[in-house]
C-alpha atoms as a PDB file:
ATOM      1  CA  MET A   1     181.445 -54.191  18.081  1.00  0.00           C
ATOM      2  CA  THR A   2     183.178 -57.585  18.404  1.00  0.00           C
ATOM      3  CA  TYR A   3     182.233 -61.156  18.881  1.00  0.00           C
ATOM      4  CA  THR A   4     183.460 -62.938  21.865  1.00  0.00           C
ATOM      5  CA  GLU A   5     182.753 -66.836  22.087  1.00  0.00           C
ATOM      6  CA  ASN A   6     180.093 -66.466  19.528  1.00  0.00           C
ATOM      7  CA  THR A   7     178.486 -63.541  21.495  1.00  0.00           C
ATOM      8  CA  LEU A   8     178.296 -59.975  19.965  1.00  0.00           C
ATOM      9  CA  VAL A   9     179.752 -57.386  22.295  1.00  0.00           C
ATOM     10  CA  ILE A  10     178.972 -53.606  21.527  1.00  0.00           C
ATOM     11  CA  LYS A  11     180.803 -51.261  23.894  1.00  0.00           C
ATOM     12  CA  GLY A  12     178.543 -49.389  25.996  1.00  0.00           C
ATOM     13  CA  ILE A  13     175.313 -51.497  25.273  1.00  0.00           C
ATOM     14  CA  SER A  14     174.257 -54.289  27.641  1.00  0.00           C
ATOM     15  CA  ALA A  15     170.403 -54.593  26.763  1.00  0.00           C
ATOM     16  CA  PRO A  16     170.049 -58.111  25.289  1.00  0.00           C
ATOM     17  CA  ALA A  17     167.355 -57.156  22.814  1.00  0.00           C
ATOM     18  CA  ILE A  18     169.693 -54.444  21.254  1.00  0.00           C
ATOM     19  CA  ILE A  19     172.591 -56.987  20.901  1.00  0.00           C
ATOM     20  CA  ASP A  20     170.309 -59.498  19.527  1.00  0.00           C
ATOM     21  CA  TYR A  21     168.705 -57.076  17.017  1.00  0.00           C
ATOM     22  CA  PHE A  22     172.390 -56.137  15.506  1.00  0.00           C
ATOM     23  CA  ALA A  23     173.451 -60.003  15.795  1.00  0.00           C
ATOM     24  CA  THR A  24     170.442 -61.194  13.796  1.00  0.00           C
ATOM     25  CA  ILE A  25     170.442 -58.299  11.238  1.00  0.00           C
ATOM     26  CA  ASN A  26     174.219 -58.984  10.595  1.00  0.00           C
ATOM     27  CA  GLN A  27     173.444 -62.771  10.210  1.00  0.00           C
ATOM     28  CA  ALA A  28     170.619 -62.016   7.890  1.00  0.00           C
ATOM     29  CA  GLU A  29     168.261 -63.795  10.274  1.00  0.00           C
ATOM     30  CA  PHE A  30     165.341 -61.379   9.573  1.00  0.00           C
ATOM     31  CA  ILE A  31     162.653 -63.509  11.077  1.00  0.00           C
ATOM     32  CA  GLN A  32     164.493 -63.648  14.325  1.00  0.00           C
ATOM     33  CA  THR A  33     165.062 -59.881  14.172  1.00  0.00           C
ATOM     34  CA  ALA A  34     161.249 -59.230  13.619  1.00  0.00           C
ATOM     35  CA  SER A  35     160.600 -61.612  16.631  1.00  0.00           C
ATOM     36  CA  LEU A  36     162.278 -59.229  18.938  1.00  0.00           C
ATOM     37  CA  PHE A  37     159.436 -56.732  18.284  1.00  0.00           C
ATOM     38  CA  THR A  38     155.989 -56.983  19.938  1.00  0.00           C
ATOM     39  CA  GLU A  39     153.240 -58.401  17.804  1.00  0.00           C
ATOM     40  CA  ASN A  40     152.275 -54.986  16.669  1.00  0.00           C
ATOM     41  CA  GLY A  41     155.673 -53.323  17.085  1.00  0.00           C
ATOM     42  CA  SER A  42     156.965 -50.678  14.584  1.00  0.00           C
ATOM     43  CA  LEU A  43     160.234 -50.515  12.817  1.00  0.00           C
ATOM     44  CA  LEU A  44     161.103 -46.865  12.174  1.00  0.00           C
ATOM     45  CA  ALA A  45     163.202 -47.067   8.948  1.00  0.00           C
ATOM     46  CA  PRO A  46     164.850 -43.932   7.241  1.00  0.00           C
ATOM     47  CA  LEU A  47     162.672 -42.383   4.655  1.00  0.00           C
ATOM     48  CA  GLU A  48     159.786 -44.783   5.213  1.00  0.00           C
ATOM     49  CA  ASN A  49     156.390 -44.810   6.902  1.00  0.00           C
ATOM     50  CA  PRO A  50     156.377 -47.067  10.031  1.00  0.00           C
ATOM     51  CA  ILE A  51     156.614 -50.707   9.316  1.00  0.00           C
ATOM     52  CA  VAL A  52     154.148 -52.329  11.730  1.00  0.00           C
ATOM     53  CA  GLY A  53     153.976 -56.098  12.730  1.00  0.00           C
ATOM     54  CA  ARG A  54     156.500 -58.839  12.617  1.00  0.00           C
ATOM     55  CA  GLU A  55     155.563 -60.261   9.435  1.00  0.00           C
ATOM     56  CA  LYS A  56     155.976 -56.785   7.618  1.00  0.00           C
ATOM     57  CA  ILE A  57     159.101 -55.977   9.571  1.00  0.00           C
ATOM     58  CA  ALA A  58     160.729 -59.368   8.538  1.00  0.00           C
ATOM     59  CA  ALA A  59     159.763 -58.824   4.880  1.00  0.00           C
ATOM     60  CA  TYR A  60     161.029 -55.165   4.822  1.00  0.00           C
ATOM     61  CA  LEU A  61     164.355 -56.339   6.251  1.00  0.00           C
ATOM     62  CA  SER A  62     164.595 -59.433   3.815  1.00  0.00           C
ATOM     63  CA  LYS A  63     164.318 -56.892   0.966  1.00  0.00           C
ATOM     64  CA  GLU A  64     166.222 -53.934   2.397  1.00  0.00           C
ATOM     65  CA  ALA A  65     168.708 -55.161   4.896  1.00  0.00           C
ATOM     66  CA  LYS A  66     170.066 -58.219   3.005  1.00  0.00           C
ATOM     67  CA  GLY A  67     174.017 -57.990   2.996  1.00  0.00           C
ATOM     68  CA  MET A  68     174.105 -55.073   5.632  1.00  0.00           C
ATOM     69  CA  LYS A  69     176.513 -55.316   8.427  1.00  0.00           C
ATOM     70  CA  LEU A  70     175.676 -53.046  11.197  1.00  0.00           C
END
């Protein structure tokens, strides 16, 4: 995973939503990360029940993903 001209590049991945997911998590922009999900989308976190909905996903990421670099 590299950054080229402020754009994240992940070898073998070309889907913009996946690139944006990792870029926004790595920058601790969890509201933007959650906006990538549908209104009632689910985040399947390890050892957790599904986190459903953008607000709950953003709250979960703010608590659990702070400082993470994926």
